[in-house]
Amino acid sequence: QTLLGREGFRRGLDAYFERHDGSAVSCDEFWDAMLGGHPLKDAFHLWYEQAGTPTVFATHSYDEAAKALTIHLRQELPRTPGDVGSGKRPMLIPVSLGLLSPSGADMEIPSVARDGG
């Protein structure tokens, strides 16, 4: 739901049940129903094509003068038996972020910028 939005997720579930209700299906059939021609479809297949569980590391910095919080996320995938080549491709991992004030109240996030690939 985070990636597809509430309506996109609902459409995917409706398509899945319309096509496969009462049947035994594969993960590919589930993804086809949920994502169809969505550009994220190929990124999700990495979860089935390469072994290992990614670890996400987070660091942050705050620029008081600019009142800007920067959060850096880095992903590492461990080598597993049978790995060939120099490494694995990064997995798609949805990240949700929220900020709290010192009193614990939700804070508005005025903008988000993405840096990197």
N, C-alpha and C. Protein backbone atom coordinates (compact mmCIF):
# COMPACT_ATOMS: atom_id res chain seq x y z
N GLN A 1 0.83 -1.19 0.00
CA GLN A 1 0.00 0.00 0.00
C GLN A 1 0.88 1.25 0.00
N THR A 2 2.03 1.18 0.65
CA THR A 2 2.93 2.33 0.69
C THR A 2 3.37 2.73 -0.71
N LEU A 3 3.64 1.76 -1.56
CA LEU A 3 4.14 2.05 -2.91
C LEU A 3 3.04 2.25 -3.93
N LEU A 4 1.96 1.54 -3.80
CA LEU A 4 0.89 1.58 -4.79
C LEU A 4 -0.20 2.58 -4.46
N GLY A 5 -0.22 3.05 -3.23
CA GLY A 5 -1.32 3.91 -2.78
C GLY A 5 -2.53 3.06 -2.42
N ARG A 6 -3.42 3.62 -1.65
CA ARG A 6 -4.59 2.88 -1.18
C ARG A 6 -5.44 2.35 -2.35
N GLU A 7 -5.70 3.21 -3.35
CA GLU A 7 -6.53 2.78 -4.48
C GLU A 7 -5.83 1.75 -5.35
N GLY A 8 -4.53 1.94 -5.61
CA GLY A 8 -3.77 0.98 -6.41
C GLY A 8 -3.70 -0.38 -5.73
N PHE A 9 -3.52 -0.37 -4.41
CA PHE A 9 -3.47 -1.61 -3.65
C PHE A 9 -4.82 -2.33 -3.72
N ARG A 10 -5.89 -1.58 -3.57
CA ARG A 10 -7.25 -2.16 -3.65
C ARG A 10 -7.51 -2.76 -5.03
N ARG A 11 -7.12 -2.03 -6.09
CA ARG A 11 -7.29 -2.55 -7.46
C ARG A 11 -6.52 -3.85 -7.64
N GLY A 12 -5.30 -3.90 -7.10
CA GLY A 12 -4.49 -5.11 -7.19
C GLY A 12 -5.13 -6.29 -6.48
N LEU A 13 -5.65 -6.05 -5.28
CA LEU A 13 -6.32 -7.13 -4.55
C LEU A 13 -7.57 -7.60 -5.28
N ASP A 14 -8.33 -6.64 -5.81
CA ASP A 14 -9.54 -7.02 -6.57
C ASP A 14 -9.16 -7.87 -7.78
N ALA A 15 -8.10 -7.47 -8.50
CA ALA A 15 -7.66 -8.24 -9.67
C ALA A 15 -7.19 -9.62 -9.26
N TYR A 16 -6.47 -9.71 -8.16
CA TYR A 16 -5.98 -11.00 -7.67
C TYR A 16 -7.15 -11.94 -7.37
N PHE A 17 -8.13 -11.47 -6.60
CA PHE A 17 -9.25 -12.34 -6.25
C PHE A 17 -10.12 -12.67 -7.45
N GLU A 18 -10.28 -11.73 -8.38
CA GLU A 18 -11.06 -12.01 -9.58
C GLU A 18 -10.41 -13.11 -10.41
N ARG A 19 -9.10 -13.07 -10.51
CA ARG A 19 -8.38 -14.06 -11.34
C ARG A 19 -8.15 -15.39 -10.64
N HIS A 20 -7.93 -15.36 -9.32
CA HIS A 20 -7.38 -16.56 -8.66
C HIS A 20 -8.15 -17.03 -7.43
N ASP A 21 -9.30 -16.47 -7.13
CA ASP A 21 -10.04 -16.88 -5.93
C ASP A 21 -10.30 -18.37 -5.96
N GLY A 22 -9.89 -19.05 -4.90
CA GLY A 22 -10.12 -20.48 -4.78
C GLY A 22 -9.08 -21.33 -5.47
N SER A 23 -8.04 -20.73 -6.03
CA SER A 23 -7.00 -21.47 -6.75
C SER A 23 -5.67 -21.40 -6.00
N ALA A 24 -4.83 -22.37 -6.26
CA ALA A 24 -3.46 -22.31 -5.77
C ALA A 24 -2.66 -21.50 -6.79
N VAL A 25 -1.92 -20.52 -6.32
CA VAL A 25 -1.19 -19.64 -7.24
C VAL A 25 0.25 -19.48 -6.79
N SER A 26 1.06 -18.94 -7.68
CA SER A 26 2.46 -18.68 -7.37
C SER A 26 2.63 -17.22 -6.95
N CYS A 27 3.80 -16.91 -6.43
CA CYS A 27 4.12 -15.51 -6.08
C CYS A 27 4.06 -14.64 -7.33
N ASP A 28 4.51 -15.17 -8.47
CA ASP A 28 4.48 -14.39 -9.71
C ASP A 28 3.06 -13.98 -10.07
N GLU A 29 2.11 -14.87 -9.89
CA GLU A 29 0.72 -14.53 -10.20
C GLU A 29 0.18 -13.46 -9.25
N PHE A 30 0.59 -13.53 -8.00
CA PHE A 30 0.19 -12.49 -7.05
C PHE A 30 0.78 -11.14 -7.48
N TRP A 31 2.08 -11.11 -7.80
CA TRP A 31 2.71 -9.86 -8.21
C TRP A 31 2.11 -9.33 -9.51
N ASP A 32 1.79 -10.22 -10.44
CA ASP A 32 1.17 -9.78 -11.70
C ASP A 32 -0.16 -9.08 -11.42
N ALA A 33 -0.94 -9.64 -10.51
CA ALA A 33 -2.23 -9.02 -10.18
C ALA A 33 -2.03 -7.70 -9.46
N MET A 34 -1.10 -7.65 -8.53
CA MET A 34 -0.89 -6.44 -7.73
C MET A 34 -0.24 -5.33 -8.53
N LEU A 35 0.75 -5.68 -9.35
CA LEU A 35 1.55 -4.65 -10.00
C LEU A 35 1.28 -4.50 -11.49
N GLY A 36 0.73 -5.55 -12.14
CA GLY A 36 0.44 -5.46 -13.57
C GLY A 36 1.63 -4.89 -14.33
N GLY A 37 1.44 -3.81 -15.05
CA GLY A 37 2.51 -3.18 -15.80
C GLY A 37 3.24 -2.09 -15.04
N HIS A 38 3.07 -2.04 -13.73
CA HIS A 38 3.69 -1.00 -12.90
C HIS A 38 5.21 -1.08 -13.01
N PRO A 39 5.89 0.07 -13.08
CA PRO A 39 7.35 0.06 -13.21
C PRO A 39 8.08 -0.58 -12.03
N LEU A 40 7.43 -0.71 -10.88
CA LEU A 40 8.08 -1.32 -9.72
C LEU A 40 8.11 -2.84 -9.80
N LYS A 41 7.38 -3.42 -10.73
CA LYS A 41 7.26 -4.87 -10.80
C LYS A 41 8.63 -5.56 -10.86
N ASP A 42 9.51 -5.08 -11.73
CA ASP A 42 10.82 -5.71 -11.86
C ASP A 42 11.64 -5.58 -10.58
N ALA A 43 11.52 -4.46 -9.89
CA ALA A 43 12.28 -4.26 -8.66
C ALA A 43 11.87 -5.27 -7.59
N PHE A 44 10.60 -5.61 -7.54
CA PHE A 44 10.15 -6.58 -6.54
C PHE A 44 10.68 -7.98 -6.80
N HIS A 45 10.92 -8.31 -8.06
CA HIS A 45 11.42 -9.66 -8.37
C HIS A 45 12.80 -9.91 -7.78
N LEU A 46 13.56 -8.88 -7.48
CA LEU A 46 14.87 -9.08 -6.85
C LEU A 46 14.75 -9.82 -5.53
N TRP A 47 13.63 -9.64 -4.84
CA TRP A 47 13.43 -10.32 -3.55
C TRP A 47 13.38 -11.84 -3.74
N TYR A 48 13.08 -12.30 -4.94
CA TYR A 48 13.00 -13.73 -5.21
C TYR A 48 14.20 -14.23 -6.02
N GLU A 49 14.89 -13.32 -6.70
CA GLU A 49 15.97 -13.71 -7.59
C GLU A 49 17.33 -13.76 -6.90
N GLN A 50 17.53 -13.00 -5.85
CA GLN A 50 18.82 -13.03 -5.18
C GLN A 50 18.64 -13.33 -3.70
N ALA A 51 19.55 -14.15 -3.20
CA ALA A 51 19.47 -14.61 -1.82
C ALA A 51 19.98 -13.55 -0.85
N GLY A 52 19.54 -13.65 0.38
CA GLY A 52 20.03 -12.77 1.43
C GLY A 52 19.00 -11.73 1.82
N THR A 53 19.16 -11.24 3.03
CA THR A 53 18.27 -10.20 3.55
C THR A 53 19.07 -8.91 3.68
N PRO A 54 18.59 -7.85 3.04
CA PRO A 54 19.34 -6.59 3.11
C PRO A 54 19.25 -5.97 4.50
N THR A 55 20.31 -5.24 4.84
CA THR A 55 20.34 -4.45 6.06
C THR A 55 20.42 -2.99 5.65
N VAL A 56 19.58 -2.16 6.27
CA VAL A 56 19.58 -0.73 5.97
C VAL A 56 20.19 0.00 7.16
N PHE A 57 21.16 0.85 6.87
CA PHE A 57 21.82 1.67 7.88
C PHE A 57 21.39 3.12 7.67
N ALA A 58 21.09 3.81 8.75
CA ALA A 58 20.64 5.20 8.67
C ALA A 58 21.55 6.09 9.51
N THR A 59 21.90 7.23 8.94
CA THR A 59 22.59 8.28 9.68
C THR A 59 21.85 9.59 9.40
N HIS A 60 22.07 10.56 10.24
CA HIS A 60 21.40 11.84 10.03
C HIS A 60 22.31 12.99 10.45
N SER A 61 21.99 14.15 9.91
CA SER A 61 22.66 15.39 10.32
C SER A 61 21.62 16.50 10.30
N TYR A 62 21.85 17.49 11.12
CA TYR A 62 20.91 18.61 11.19
C TYR A 62 21.68 19.91 11.02
N ASP A 63 21.25 20.72 10.08
CA ASP A 63 21.83 22.04 9.84
C ASP A 63 20.93 23.06 10.54
N GLU A 64 21.40 23.54 11.68
CA GLU A 64 20.60 24.47 12.49
C GLU A 64 20.30 25.75 11.74
N ALA A 65 21.27 26.29 11.03
CA ALA A 65 21.07 27.55 10.30
C ALA A 65 19.99 27.40 9.23
N ALA A 66 20.02 26.29 8.51
CA ALA A 66 19.05 26.06 7.43
C ALA A 66 17.78 25.39 7.94
N LYS A 67 17.81 24.94 9.20
CA LYS A 67 16.68 24.19 9.77
C LYS A 67 16.36 22.98 8.88
N ALA A 68 17.43 22.25 8.49
CA ALA A 68 17.27 21.13 7.56
C ALA A 68 17.84 19.85 8.18
N LEU A 69 17.02 18.83 8.20
CA LEU A 69 17.43 17.51 8.65
C LEU A 69 17.74 16.68 7.41
N THR A 70 18.90 16.05 7.39
CA THR A 70 19.28 15.17 6.29
C THR A 70 19.43 13.76 6.84
N ILE A 71 18.76 12.84 6.20
CA ILE A 71 18.84 11.44 6.60
C ILE A 71 19.45 10.67 5.43
N HIS A 72 20.50 9.93 5.72
CA HIS A 72 21.17 9.12 4.70
C HIS A 72 20.87 7.65 4.99
N LEU A 73 20.41 6.94 3.97
CA LEU A 73 20.14 5.51 4.09
C LEU A 73 21.11 4.76 3.19
N ARG A 74 21.68 3.67 3.72
CA ARG A 74 22.61 2.84 2.96
C ARG A 74 22.18 1.40 3.13
N GLN A 75 22.19 0.67 2.05
CA GLN A 75 21.76 -0.73 2.08
C GLN A 75 22.94 -1.65 1.80
N GLU A 76 23.02 -2.72 2.57
CA GLU A 76 24.04 -3.74 2.33
C GLU A 76 23.35 -5.09 2.20
N LEU A 77 23.81 -5.86 1.22
CA LEU A 77 23.31 -7.22 1.02
C LEU A 77 24.46 -8.17 1.25
N PRO A 78 24.31 -9.12 2.17
CA PRO A 78 25.41 -10.03 2.46
C PRO A 78 25.66 -10.99 1.30
N ARG A 79 26.91 -11.37 1.15
CA ARG A 79 27.23 -12.41 0.17
C ARG A 79 26.68 -13.73 0.71
N THR A 80 26.17 -14.55 -0.18
CA THR A 80 25.61 -15.84 0.20
C THR A 80 26.24 -16.92 -0.68
N PRO A 81 26.18 -18.19 -0.25
CA PRO A 81 26.76 -19.26 -1.05
C PRO A 81 26.21 -19.23 -2.47
N GLY A 82 27.09 -19.39 -3.44
CA GLY A 82 26.68 -19.41 -4.84
C GLY A 82 26.72 -18.06 -5.51
N ASP A 83 27.04 -16.98 -4.76
CA ASP A 83 27.12 -15.65 -5.38
C ASP A 83 28.22 -15.66 -6.44
N VAL A 84 27.92 -15.03 -7.55
CA VAL A 84 28.87 -14.91 -8.64
C VAL A 84 29.01 -13.43 -8.98
N GLY A 85 30.20 -12.99 -9.26
CA GLY A 85 30.38 -11.60 -9.66
C GLY A 85 30.68 -10.70 -8.49
N SER A 86 30.59 -9.40 -8.74
CA SER A 86 31.03 -8.42 -7.76
C SER A 86 29.99 -8.05 -6.72
N GLY A 87 28.76 -8.43 -6.92
CA GLY A 87 27.78 -8.07 -5.91
C GLY A 87 26.36 -8.20 -6.40
N LYS A 88 25.49 -7.76 -5.55
CA LYS A 88 24.06 -7.87 -5.81
C LYS A 88 23.48 -6.49 -6.07
N ARG A 89 22.33 -6.48 -6.69
CA ARG A 89 21.64 -5.22 -6.94
C ARG A 89 20.86 -4.82 -5.69
N PRO A 90 20.75 -3.51 -5.43
CA PRO A 90 19.99 -3.06 -4.26
C PRO A 90 18.52 -3.45 -4.37
N MET A 91 17.94 -3.81 -3.25
CA MET A 91 16.54 -4.17 -3.17
C MET A 91 15.69 -2.91 -3.00
N LEU A 92 14.47 -2.96 -3.49
CA LEU A 92 13.52 -1.88 -3.26
C LEU A 92 12.94 -2.07 -1.87
N ILE A 93 13.15 -1.08 -1.02
CA ILE A 93 12.65 -1.14 0.36
C ILE A 93 11.89 0.16 0.63
N PRO A 94 10.57 0.07 0.77
CA PRO A 94 9.81 1.29 1.09
C PRO A 94 10.19 1.82 2.47
N VAL A 95 10.30 3.11 2.58
CA VAL A 95 10.63 3.74 3.86
C VAL A 95 9.60 4.81 4.14
N SER A 96 9.01 4.75 5.31
CA SER A 96 8.09 5.80 5.76
C SER A 96 8.79 6.56 6.87
N LEU A 97 8.56 7.85 6.91
CA LEU A 97 9.26 8.69 7.87
C LEU A 97 8.25 9.59 8.57
N GLY A 98 8.43 9.74 9.84
CA GLY A 98 7.64 10.68 10.61
C GLY A 98 8.54 11.38 11.61
N LEU A 99 8.22 12.59 11.94
CA LEU A 99 8.98 13.36 12.91
C LEU A 99 8.07 13.76 14.07
N LEU A 100 8.66 13.79 15.26
CA LEU A 100 7.92 14.19 16.46
C LEU A 100 8.59 15.39 17.10
N SER A 101 7.79 16.26 17.63
CA SER A 101 8.31 17.42 18.38
C SER A 101 8.79 16.94 19.74
N PRO A 102 9.50 17.79 20.49
CA PRO A 102 9.94 17.39 21.84
C PRO A 102 8.78 16.96 22.74
N SER A 103 7.57 17.48 22.49
CA SER A 103 6.42 17.11 23.31
C SER A 103 5.74 15.83 22.81
N GLY A 104 6.22 15.30 21.68
CA GLY A 104 5.65 14.06 21.14
C GLY A 104 4.58 14.26 20.08
N ALA A 105 4.33 15.49 19.69
CA ALA A 105 3.33 15.76 18.66
C ALA A 105 3.92 15.53 17.27
N ASP A 106 3.07 15.08 16.34
CA ASP A 106 3.49 14.91 14.96
C ASP A 106 3.93 16.25 14.39
N MET A 107 5.02 16.22 13.61
CA MET A 107 5.50 17.42 12.93
C MET A 107 5.29 17.27 11.44
N GLU A 108 4.99 18.37 10.78
CA GLU A 108 4.84 18.35 9.33
C GLU A 108 6.23 18.22 8.68
N ILE A 109 6.30 17.44 7.62
CA ILE A 109 7.52 17.34 6.83
C ILE A 109 7.26 18.16 5.57
N PRO A 110 7.85 19.37 5.49
CA PRO A 110 7.50 20.28 4.39
C PRO A 110 8.01 19.82 3.01
N SER A 111 9.13 19.12 2.96
CA SER A 111 9.62 18.64 1.66
C SER A 111 10.56 17.47 1.86
N VAL A 112 10.62 16.65 0.83
CA VAL A 112 11.51 15.50 0.82
C VAL A 112 12.26 15.52 -0.50
N ALA A 113 13.57 15.42 -0.44
CA ALA A 113 14.38 15.35 -1.65
C ALA A 113 15.10 14.01 -1.67
N ARG A 114 15.16 13.42 -2.83
CA ARG A 114 15.84 12.13 -2.99
C ARG A 114 17.15 12.37 -3.69
N ASP A 115 18.20 11.78 -3.14
CA ASP A 115 19.52 11.93 -3.74
C ASP A 115 20.05 10.54 -4.03
N GLY A 116 20.65 10.35 -5.16
CA GLY A 116 21.25 9.06 -5.50
C GLY A 116 20.34 8.22 -6.35
N GLY A 117 20.81 6.99 -6.64
CA GLY A 117 20.08 6.11 -7.55
C GLY A 117 19.22 5.20 -6.88
